Amino acid sequence: MPKRSDSAGWRTLAVLLNAGVTFHSGCCDGPGWRPRSPREVRERLAAAAGTGVPLSVALTTVDVDELRSWRHTAR
């Protein structure tokens, strides 16, 4: 959870929650990677634009290039 004064962190968290991203830990590995800044959110949304990848998947994908490659295969 972001610090109370971290407005960028709270905006990022709001985007994640609105997209349906959860933070439940499955086991020992925890919930997985999540973006921590608005810049990381924007990168993933831009890379996933037009691919048909659900927002929750785009926002939890570590490698932005992986999202861009889906654009070429998701036809």
Protein backbone atom coordinates (compact mmCIF):
# COMPACT_ATOMS: atom_id res chain seq x y z
CA MET A 1 0.00 0.00 0.00
CA PRO A 2 1.38 3.44 -0.89
CA LYS A 3 2.29 5.94 1.79
CA ARG A 4 -0.45 8.41 2.59
CA SER A 5 1.46 11.23 0.88
CA ASP A 6 2.26 9.23 -2.30
CA SER A 7 -0.41 10.58 -4.66
CA ALA A 8 1.14 8.89 -7.73
CA GLY A 9 1.12 5.56 -5.92
CA TRP A 10 -2.54 5.98 -5.00
CA ARG A 11 -3.45 6.85 -8.62
CA THR A 12 -1.62 3.72 -9.75
CA LEU A 13 -3.47 1.62 -7.19
CA ALA A 14 -6.80 3.09 -8.30
CA VAL A 15 -6.11 2.15 -11.94
CA LEU A 16 -5.21 -1.40 -10.92
CA LEU A 17 -8.30 -1.87 -8.78
CA ASN A 18 -10.59 -0.38 -11.44
CA ALA A 19 -9.13 -2.82 -13.98
CA GLY A 20 -9.95 -5.74 -11.70
CA VAL A 21 -6.38 -6.52 -10.63
CA THR A 22 -6.31 -8.26 -7.28
CA PHE A 23 -3.58 -8.65 -4.72
CA HIS A 24 -4.38 -12.08 -3.31
CA SER A 25 -1.33 -14.21 -2.74
CA GLY A 26 -1.67 -17.63 -4.30
CA CYS A 27 1.02 -19.23 -2.20
CA CYS A 28 4.63 -18.52 -1.47
CA ASP A 29 5.21 -16.32 -4.52
CA GLY A 30 2.71 -13.63 -3.51
CA PRO A 31 0.38 -11.84 -5.92
CA GLY A 32 2.98 -11.38 -8.65
CA TRP A 33 4.35 -8.27 -10.28
CA ARG A 34 2.28 -5.06 -10.18
CA PRO A 35 3.16 -1.61 -11.58
CA ARG A 36 4.20 0.87 -8.91
CA SER A 37 4.08 4.13 -10.86
CA PRO A 38 1.80 5.89 -13.35
CA ARG A 39 4.63 5.62 -15.90
CA GLU A 40 4.61 1.81 -15.67
CA VAL A 41 0.81 1.83 -16.04
CA ARG A 42 0.98 4.07 -19.13
CA GLU A 43 3.69 1.89 -20.72
CA ARG A 44 1.60 -1.25 -20.36
CA LEU A 45 -1.62 0.35 -21.54
CA ALA A 46 0.10 1.83 -24.59
CA ALA A 47 1.79 -1.47 -25.44
CA ALA A 48 -1.49 -3.38 -25.13
CA ALA A 49 -3.59 -0.88 -27.11
CA GLY A 50 -5.35 -2.62 -29.98
CA THR A 51 -4.26 -6.13 -29.00
CA GLY A 52 -7.44 -7.23 -27.25
CA VAL A 53 -5.44 -8.15 -24.15
CA PRO A 54 -7.59 -7.55 -21.04
CA LEU A 55 -6.47 -4.58 -18.95
CA SER A 56 -5.90 -6.78 -15.92
CA VAL A 57 -3.48 -8.92 -17.93
CA ALA A 58 -1.73 -5.94 -19.52
CA LEU A 59 -1.24 -4.29 -16.13
CA THR A 60 0.28 -7.39 -14.58
CA THR A 61 2.68 -8.23 -17.42
CA VAL A 62 6.25 -7.47 -16.46
CA ASP A 63 7.71 -7.33 -19.97
CA VAL A 64 6.25 -4.53 -22.10
CA ASP A 65 7.77 -6.10 -25.22
CA GLU A 66 5.71 -9.22 -24.56
CA LEU A 67 2.55 -7.12 -24.84
CA ARG A 68 3.77 -5.59 -28.09
CA SER A 69 4.41 -9.06 -29.54
CA TRP A 70 0.79 -10.02 -28.81
CA ARG A 71 -0.28 -7.28 -31.21
CA HIS A 72 1.23 -9.25 -34.07
CA THR A 73 -0.23 -12.61 -33.04
CA ALA A 74 -3.68 -11.52 -31.79
CA ARG A 75 -5.48 -11.28 -35.11
